Amino acid sequence: MRLTVRTNIAMRALMSCAMNPTRIMRKAEIAKAVGASEAHLGVVINQLSQTGFIETLRGRHGGIRLKFPPQAISVGRVFRIFEASTPFTECFSARDNHCPIASACKLRSSLDTALEAFYSSLDAVTLEDLTCGNTGLERLLSLEPAA
């Protein structure tokens, strides 16, 4: 299994916001801190905003910040939202399933169960679990308080 770049960048952006709770984070500083292009991060920020994980503030002093405290943001929920449009395998796609054995194959059911177990295990993990007390991450992502 491999996660999409979008999901990876979403988690990095959320962790960056969690590590800087008193700041309104700018796209450029997040992109630099997490090693993402501003263009790709912009798409991710838009989706994070539309799905209610962050709030965006426009204007000269604008940027983003978490909409909820880190303990209220489930990693499993983030993954489900960002991975929803990417079928796990060909037979999971209603549009692009050209598998000649799909009608008789029992593998899909097993993969479905395994995929749900994967997401369920991440449902119990919060953004706080990833960031609270993580001094290494703090050194990498903490920025000076905004002036």
N, C-alpha and C. Protein backbone atom coordinates (compact mmCIF):
# COMPACT_ATOMS: atom_id res chain seq x y z
N MET A 1 0.84 -1.18 0.00
CA MET A 1 0.00 0.00 0.00
C MET A 1 0.88 1.23 0.00
N ARG A 2 0.44 2.23 -0.72
CA ARG A 2 1.19 3.47 -0.80
C ARG A 2 0.21 4.63 -0.74
N LEU A 3 0.48 5.60 0.14
CA LEU A 3 -0.38 6.76 0.25
C LEU A 3 -0.06 7.77 -0.84
N THR A 4 -1.04 8.55 -1.21
CA THR A 4 -0.82 9.59 -2.21
C THR A 4 0.02 10.71 -1.61
N VAL A 5 0.66 11.46 -2.46
CA VAL A 5 1.45 12.61 -2.04
C VAL A 5 0.54 13.62 -1.34
N ARG A 6 -0.69 13.76 -1.84
CA ARG A 6 -1.64 14.69 -1.23
C ARG A 6 -1.89 14.36 0.24
N THR A 7 -2.09 13.09 0.55
CA THR A 7 -2.34 12.69 1.93
C THR A 7 -1.12 12.99 2.79
N ASN A 8 0.04 12.69 2.28
CA ASN A 8 1.29 12.95 3.00
C ASN A 8 1.45 14.44 3.28
N ILE A 9 1.22 15.27 2.27
CA ILE A 9 1.35 16.72 2.45
C ILE A 9 0.27 17.23 3.41
N ALA A 10 -0.94 16.69 3.34
CA ALA A 10 -2.00 17.10 4.26
C ALA A 10 -1.59 16.86 5.70
N MET A 11 -1.03 15.69 5.97
CA MET A 11 -0.62 15.39 7.34
C MET A 11 0.53 16.31 7.76
N ARG A 12 1.47 16.57 6.88
CA ARG A 12 2.57 17.48 7.22
C ARG A 12 2.05 18.88 7.53
N ALA A 13 1.10 19.35 6.72
CA ALA A 13 0.53 20.69 6.94
C ALA A 13 -0.22 20.75 8.27
N LEU A 14 -1.00 19.72 8.57
CA LEU A 14 -1.73 19.68 9.83
C LEU A 14 -0.76 19.63 11.02
N MET A 15 0.30 18.84 10.90
CA MET A 15 1.28 18.78 11.98
C MET A 15 1.98 20.13 12.16
N SER A 16 2.25 20.80 11.05
CA SER A 16 2.88 22.11 11.12
C SER A 16 1.99 23.10 11.85
N CYS A 17 0.70 23.07 11.56
CA CYS A 17 -0.25 23.95 12.27
C CYS A 17 -0.34 23.58 13.74
N ALA A 18 -0.34 22.29 14.04
CA ALA A 18 -0.43 21.84 15.43
C ALA A 18 0.81 22.25 16.23
N MET A 19 1.96 22.27 15.60
CA MET A 19 3.19 22.63 16.29
C MET A 19 3.33 24.14 16.48
N ASN A 20 2.46 24.90 15.83
CA ASN A 20 2.49 26.36 15.92
C ASN A 20 1.09 26.89 16.24
N PRO A 21 0.54 26.51 17.38
CA PRO A 21 -0.86 26.81 17.67
C PRO A 21 -1.20 28.29 17.83
N THR A 22 -0.22 29.12 18.12
CA THR A 22 -0.50 30.55 18.31
C THR A 22 -0.28 31.37 17.05
N ARG A 23 0.09 30.71 15.98
CA ARG A 23 0.37 31.40 14.71
C ARG A 23 -0.70 31.15 13.67
N ILE A 24 -0.86 32.11 12.81
CA ILE A 24 -1.59 31.89 11.57
C ILE A 24 -0.48 31.54 10.57
N MET A 25 -0.56 30.33 10.04
CA MET A 25 0.52 29.83 9.19
C MET A 25 0.31 30.27 7.74
N ARG A 26 1.37 30.70 7.12
CA ARG A 26 1.33 31.07 5.70
C ARG A 26 1.73 29.87 4.85
N LYS A 27 1.15 29.81 3.68
CA LYS A 27 1.41 28.70 2.77
C LYS A 27 2.90 28.57 2.46
N ALA A 28 3.58 29.67 2.23
CA ALA A 28 5.00 29.63 1.88
C ALA A 28 5.85 29.03 3.01
N GLU A 29 5.55 29.40 4.25
CA GLU A 29 6.36 28.88 5.35
C GLU A 29 6.08 27.40 5.61
N ILE A 30 4.84 26.98 5.40
CA ILE A 30 4.53 25.55 5.54
C ILE A 30 5.22 24.77 4.44
N ALA A 31 5.11 25.25 3.21
CA ALA A 31 5.74 24.57 2.07
C ALA A 31 7.24 24.38 2.30
N LYS A 32 7.88 25.42 2.77
CA LYS A 32 9.33 25.33 3.03
C LYS A 32 9.62 24.33 4.15
N ALA A 33 8.85 24.38 5.22
CA ALA A 33 9.09 23.51 6.37
C ALA A 33 8.85 22.03 6.06
N VAL A 34 7.86 21.75 5.20
CA VAL A 34 7.49 20.35 4.96
C VAL A 34 7.98 19.81 3.61
N GLY A 35 8.73 20.63 2.87
CA GLY A 35 9.30 20.16 1.62
C GLY A 35 8.28 19.91 0.52
N ALA A 36 7.33 20.81 0.38
CA ALA A 36 6.29 20.67 -0.65
C ALA A 36 6.28 21.92 -1.51
N SER A 37 5.81 21.77 -2.73
CA SER A 37 5.67 22.96 -3.58
C SER A 37 4.46 23.75 -3.10
N GLU A 38 4.52 25.05 -3.25
CA GLU A 38 3.39 25.89 -2.85
C GLU A 38 2.15 25.56 -3.67
N ALA A 39 2.33 25.23 -4.93
CA ALA A 39 1.18 24.89 -5.78
C ALA A 39 0.47 23.64 -5.27
N HIS A 40 1.25 22.60 -4.99
CA HIS A 40 0.66 21.34 -4.51
C HIS A 40 0.05 21.56 -3.12
N LEU A 41 0.73 22.30 -2.27
CA LEU A 41 0.21 22.60 -0.95
C LEU A 41 -1.09 23.40 -1.04
N GLY A 42 -1.19 24.30 -2.00
CA GLY A 42 -2.41 25.08 -2.18
C GLY A 42 -3.63 24.21 -2.44
N VAL A 43 -3.45 23.17 -3.25
CA VAL A 43 -4.54 22.23 -3.53
C VAL A 43 -4.94 21.49 -2.25
N VAL A 44 -3.94 21.08 -1.49
CA VAL A 44 -4.18 20.36 -0.24
C VAL A 44 -4.87 21.28 0.78
N ILE A 45 -4.41 22.50 0.89
CA ILE A 45 -5.02 23.46 1.82
C ILE A 45 -6.48 23.68 1.47
N ASN A 46 -6.77 23.79 0.18
CA ASN A 46 -8.15 23.96 -0.26
C ASN A 46 -9.01 22.78 0.21
N GLN A 47 -8.52 21.57 0.04
CA GLN A 47 -9.28 20.40 0.46
C GLN A 47 -9.39 20.31 1.99
N LEU A 48 -8.32 20.65 2.71
CA LEU A 48 -8.38 20.66 4.18
C LEU A 48 -9.41 21.67 4.67
N SER A 49 -9.50 22.79 3.98
CA SER A 49 -10.47 23.82 4.35
C SER A 49 -11.90 23.36 4.04
N GLN A 50 -12.10 22.81 2.86
CA GLN A 50 -13.44 22.36 2.45
C GLN A 50 -13.95 21.22 3.33
N THR A 51 -13.06 20.42 3.86
CA THR A 51 -13.47 19.28 4.69
C THR A 51 -13.48 19.62 6.18
N GLY A 52 -13.17 20.87 6.53
CA GLY A 52 -13.34 21.35 7.89
C GLY A 52 -12.20 21.12 8.85
N PHE A 53 -11.02 20.76 8.36
CA PHE A 53 -9.89 20.55 9.26
C PHE A 53 -9.20 21.86 9.63
N ILE A 54 -9.20 22.80 8.70
CA ILE A 54 -8.53 24.08 8.94
C ILE A 54 -9.48 25.21 8.57
N GLU A 55 -9.12 26.39 9.04
CA GLU A 55 -9.81 27.58 8.56
C GLU A 55 -8.79 28.46 7.88
N THR A 56 -9.25 29.13 6.85
CA THR A 56 -8.37 30.02 6.09
C THR A 56 -8.77 31.45 6.39
N LEU A 57 -7.77 32.28 6.47
CA LEU A 57 -7.98 33.71 6.72
C LEU A 57 -7.35 34.47 5.57
N ARG A 58 -8.13 35.29 4.93
CA ARG A 58 -7.65 36.05 3.78
C ARG A 58 -7.03 37.37 4.21
N GLY A 59 -6.33 37.97 3.27
CA GLY A 59 -5.79 39.31 3.50
C GLY A 59 -4.31 39.31 3.83
N ARG A 60 -3.85 40.49 4.12
CA ARG A 60 -2.42 40.71 4.36
C ARG A 60 -1.87 39.84 5.48
N HIS A 61 -2.62 39.65 6.51
CA HIS A 61 -2.17 38.84 7.64
C HIS A 61 -2.86 37.48 7.64
N GLY A 62 -3.25 37.05 6.47
CA GLY A 62 -3.99 35.80 6.34
C GLY A 62 -3.09 34.57 6.37
N GLY A 63 -3.74 33.44 6.31
CA GLY A 63 -3.05 32.16 6.32
C GLY A 63 -4.02 31.09 6.76
N ILE A 64 -3.50 30.07 7.41
CA ILE A 64 -4.36 28.98 7.88
C ILE A 64 -4.05 28.65 9.33
N ARG A 65 -5.01 28.01 9.96
CA ARG A 65 -4.83 27.47 11.31
C ARG A 65 -5.82 26.33 11.48
N LEU A 66 -5.55 25.49 12.46
CA LEU A 66 -6.45 24.37 12.74
C LEU A 66 -7.82 24.90 13.15
N LYS A 67 -8.84 24.23 12.70
CA LYS A 67 -10.20 24.61 13.07
C LYS A 67 -10.60 23.99 14.42
N PHE A 68 -9.96 22.88 14.76
CA PHE A 68 -10.24 22.16 16.00
C PHE A 68 -8.92 21.86 16.71
N PRO A 69 -8.97 21.59 18.00
CA PRO A 69 -7.73 21.21 18.70
C PRO A 69 -7.19 19.90 18.14
N PRO A 70 -5.88 19.71 18.22
CA PRO A 70 -5.25 18.50 17.65
C PRO A 70 -5.84 17.18 18.15
N GLN A 71 -6.31 17.15 19.39
CA GLN A 71 -6.87 15.90 19.91
C GLN A 71 -8.21 15.56 19.28
N ALA A 72 -8.81 16.51 18.55
CA ALA A 72 -10.10 16.27 17.89
C ALA A 72 -9.95 15.88 16.42
N ILE A 73 -8.72 15.84 15.94
CA ILE A 73 -8.49 15.51 14.52
C ILE A 73 -7.93 14.11 14.40
N SER A 74 -8.73 13.21 13.84
CA SER A 74 -8.36 11.81 13.66
C SER A 74 -7.57 11.61 12.37
N VAL A 75 -6.44 10.94 12.50
CA VAL A 75 -5.62 10.64 11.33
C VAL A 75 -6.41 9.75 10.35
N GLY A 76 -7.17 8.81 10.87
CA GLY A 76 -7.98 7.94 10.02
C GLY A 76 -8.97 8.72 9.18
N ARG A 77 -9.58 9.73 9.77
CA ARG A 77 -10.54 10.55 9.02
C ARG A 77 -9.84 11.33 7.91
N VAL A 78 -8.67 11.89 8.21
CA VAL A 78 -7.90 12.62 7.19
C VAL A 78 -7.55 11.66 6.05
N PHE A 79 -7.04 10.49 6.39
CA PHE A 79 -6.65 9.53 5.36
C PHE A 79 -7.84 9.11 4.51
N ARG A 80 -8.96 8.84 5.15
CA ARG A 80 -10.15 8.42 4.39
C ARG A 80 -10.57 9.49 3.39
N ILE A 81 -10.55 10.74 3.82
CA ILE A 81 -10.96 11.83 2.93
C ILE A 81 -9.98 12.01 1.77
N PHE A 82 -8.70 12.00 2.07
CA PHE A 82 -7.71 12.24 1.03
C PHE A 82 -7.48 11.04 0.12
N GLU A 83 -7.72 9.85 0.61
CA GLU A 83 -7.52 8.65 -0.20
C GLU A 83 -8.81 8.17 -0.89
N ALA A 84 -9.94 8.78 -0.58
CA ALA A 84 -11.23 8.31 -1.08
C ALA A 84 -11.31 8.28 -2.60
N SER A 85 -10.68 9.23 -3.26
CA SER A 85 -10.80 9.29 -4.72
C SER A 85 -9.80 8.38 -5.44
N THR A 86 -8.93 7.73 -4.69
CA THR A 86 -7.94 6.84 -5.29
C THR A 86 -8.28 5.39 -4.97
N PRO A 87 -8.74 4.63 -5.96
CA PRO A 87 -9.07 3.22 -5.68
C PRO A 87 -7.83 2.45 -5.22
N PHE A 88 -8.02 1.58 -4.24
CA PHE A 88 -6.92 0.79 -3.71
C PHE A 88 -6.34 -0.11 -4.79
N THR A 89 -7.20 -0.68 -5.60
CA THR A 89 -6.79 -1.52 -6.72
C THR A 89 -7.83 -1.37 -7.81
N GLU A 90 -7.54 -1.86 -8.97
CA GLU A 90 -8.41 -1.70 -10.13
C GLU A 90 -9.85 -2.13 -9.86
N CYS A 91 -10.03 -3.24 -9.17
CA CYS A 91 -11.39 -3.74 -8.95
C CYS A 91 -12.19 -2.89 -7.97
N PHE A 92 -11.56 -1.94 -7.28
CA PHE A 92 -12.27 -1.04 -6.39
C PHE A 92 -12.87 0.15 -7.15
N SER A 93 -12.53 0.27 -8.41
CA SER A 93 -13.01 1.38 -9.23
C SER A 93 -14.19 0.94 -10.09
N ALA A 94 -15.32 1.60 -9.90
CA ALA A 94 -16.49 1.28 -10.72
C ALA A 94 -16.26 1.66 -12.18
N ARG A 95 -15.50 2.70 -12.41
CA ARG A 95 -15.28 3.21 -13.77
C ARG A 95 -14.14 2.50 -14.50
N ASP A 96 -13.07 2.19 -13.80
CA ASP A 96 -11.87 1.67 -14.47
C ASP A 96 -11.58 0.21 -14.17
N ASN A 97 -12.57 -0.55 -13.77
CA ASN A 97 -12.35 -1.96 -13.47
C ASN A 97 -12.47 -2.79 -14.76
N HIS A 98 -11.33 -3.24 -15.23
CA HIS A 98 -11.29 -4.07 -16.44
C HIS A 98 -10.76 -5.47 -16.12
N CYS A 99 -10.79 -5.82 -14.85
CA CYS A 99 -10.28 -7.11 -14.43
C CYS A 99 -11.20 -8.23 -14.94
N PRO A 100 -10.65 -9.18 -15.67
CA PRO A 100 -11.49 -10.23 -16.26
C PRO A 100 -12.03 -11.25 -15.24
N ILE A 101 -11.48 -11.26 -14.02
CA ILE A 101 -11.96 -12.24 -13.03
C ILE A 101 -12.74 -11.59 -11.89
N ALA A 102 -13.02 -10.31 -12.01
CA ALA A 102 -13.66 -9.56 -10.92
C ALA A 102 -14.97 -10.18 -10.46
N SER A 103 -15.75 -10.73 -11.36
CA SER A 103 -17.06 -11.26 -10.98
C SER A 103 -16.96 -12.51 -10.09
N ALA A 104 -15.84 -13.20 -10.12
CA ALA A 104 -15.69 -14.44 -9.34
C ALA A 104 -14.59 -14.35 -8.29
N CYS A 105 -13.85 -13.26 -8.26
CA CYS A 105 -12.69 -13.14 -7.37
C CYS A 105 -13.10 -12.82 -5.94
N LYS A 106 -12.52 -13.53 -5.00
CA LYS A 106 -12.79 -13.30 -3.58
C LYS A 106 -11.73 -12.42 -2.93
N LEU A 107 -10.71 -12.07 -3.67
CA LEU A 107 -9.63 -11.23 -3.12
C LEU A 107 -10.14 -9.85 -2.73
N ARG A 108 -11.05 -9.28 -3.51
CA ARG A 108 -11.54 -7.94 -3.21
C ARG A 108 -12.14 -7.87 -1.80
N SER A 109 -12.90 -8.87 -1.41
CA SER A 109 -13.50 -8.89 -0.08
C SER A 109 -12.42 -8.87 1.00
N SER A 110 -11.38 -9.63 0.81
CA SER A 110 -10.28 -9.67 1.79
C SER A 110 -9.54 -8.33 1.82
N LEU A 111 -9.34 -7.74 0.66
CA LEU A 111 -8.69 -6.44 0.60
C LEU A 111 -9.55 -5.36 1.24
N ASP A 112 -10.84 -5.45 1.03
CA ASP A 112 -11.77 -4.52 1.66
C ASP A 112 -11.65 -4.58 3.19
N THR A 113 -11.61 -5.79 3.73
CA THR A 113 -11.48 -6.00 5.17
C THR A 113 -10.15 -5.45 5.67
N ALA A 114 -9.08 -5.73 4.94
CA ALA A 114 -7.75 -5.26 5.34
C ALA A 114 -7.67 -3.73 5.29
N LEU A 115 -8.24 -3.14 4.26
CA LEU A 115 -8.21 -1.69 4.12
C LEU A 115 -8.99 -1.03 5.25
N GLU A 116 -10.14 -1.59 5.59
CA GLU A 116 -10.93 -1.04 6.70
C GLU A 116 -10.17 -1.18 8.02
N ALA A 117 -9.47 -2.28 8.21
CA ALA A 117 -8.67 -2.47 9.43
C ALA A 117 -7.55 -1.42 9.50
N PHE A 118 -6.95 -1.11 8.37
CA PHE A 118 -5.91 -0.09 8.28
C PHE A 118 -6.47 1.27 8.73
N TYR A 119 -7.58 1.68 8.13
CA TYR A 119 -8.19 2.95 8.49
C TYR A 119 -8.67 2.96 9.94
N SER A 120 -9.25 1.87 10.39
CA SER A 120 -9.74 1.79 11.77
C SER A 120 -8.60 1.95 12.77
N SER A 121 -7.45 1.39 12.46
CA SER A 121 -6.31 1.54 13.38
C SER A 121 -5.86 3.00 13.44
N LEU A 122 -6.02 3.74 12.34
CA LEU A 122 -5.65 5.15 12.32
C LEU A 122 -6.72 6.05 12.92
N ASP A 123 -7.95 5.55 13.02
CA ASP A 123 -9.02 6.34 13.64
C ASP A 123 -8.68 6.67 15.09
N ALA A 124 -7.97 5.80 15.75
CA ALA A 124 -7.62 5.99 17.16
C ALA A 124 -6.42 6.93 17.35
N VAL A 125 -5.76 7.28 16.26
CA VAL A 125 -4.59 8.16 16.33
C VAL A 125 -5.04 9.58 16.02
N THR A 126 -4.66 10.51 16.89
CA THR A 126 -5.03 11.90 16.67
C THR A 126 -3.80 12.72 16.28
N LEU A 127 -4.07 13.89 15.79
CA LEU A 127 -2.99 14.82 15.47
C LEU A 127 -2.18 15.13 16.73
N GLU A 128 -2.84 15.18 17.86
CA GLU A 128 -2.13 15.40 19.12
C GLU A 128 -1.16 14.26 19.42
N ASP A 129 -1.57 13.02 19.15
CA ASP A 129 -0.68 11.88 19.37
C ASP A 129 0.62 12.01 18.58
N LEU A 130 0.53 12.61 17.41
CA LEU A 130 1.70 12.74 16.55
C LEU A 130 2.60 13.92 16.93
N THR A 131 2.01 14.93 17.59
CA THR A 131 2.76 16.16 17.83
C THR A 131 3.10 16.45 19.29
N CYS A 132 2.23 16.09 20.21
CA CYS A 132 2.44 16.43 21.62
C CYS A 132 3.67 15.73 22.17
N GLY A 133 4.59 16.51 22.68
CA GLY A 133 5.81 15.96 23.26
C GLY A 133 6.83 15.47 22.24
N ASN A 134 6.59 15.72 20.97
CA ASN A 134 7.51 15.28 19.92
C ASN A 134 8.55 16.37 19.68
N THR A 135 9.61 16.34 20.48
CA THR A 135 10.62 17.41 20.41
C THR A 135 11.35 17.45 19.07
N GLY A 136 11.53 16.30 18.45
CA GLY A 136 12.17 16.28 17.14
C GLY A 136 11.34 17.02 16.11
N LEU A 137 10.05 16.75 16.11
CA LEU A 137 9.13 17.43 15.19
C LEU A 137 9.04 18.91 15.52
N GLU A 138 9.07 19.21 16.80
CA GLU A 138 9.02 20.61 17.23
C GLU A 138 10.22 21.38 16.69
N ARG A 139 11.41 20.77 16.74
CA ARG A 139 12.61 21.42 16.21
C ARG A 139 12.47 21.67 14.70
N LEU A 140 11.82 20.75 14.00
CA LEU A 140 11.69 20.86 12.54
C LEU A 140 10.58 21.82 12.09
N LEU A 141 9.50 21.89 12.86
CA LEU A 141 8.34 22.62 12.38
C LEU A 141 7.97 23.89 13.15
N SER A 142 8.51 24.09 14.34
CA SER A 142 8.13 25.27 15.11
C SER A 142 8.76 26.52 14.52
N LEU A 143 7.93 27.54 14.39
CA LEU A 143 8.38 28.82 13.88
C LEU A 143 8.28 29.85 14.99
N GLU A 144 8.97 30.94 14.82
CA GLU A 144 8.90 32.03 15.80
C GLU A 144 7.47 32.56 15.84
N PRO A 145 7.00 32.97 17.00
CA PRO A 145 5.65 33.55 17.07
C PRO A 145 5.54 34.76 16.13
N ALA A 146 4.39 34.92 15.53
CA ALA A 146 4.16 36.04 14.62
C ALA A 146 4.25 37.35 15.39
N ALA A 147 4.81 38.37 14.75
CA ALA A 147 4.95 39.68 15.39
C ALA A 147 3.66 40.45 15.36
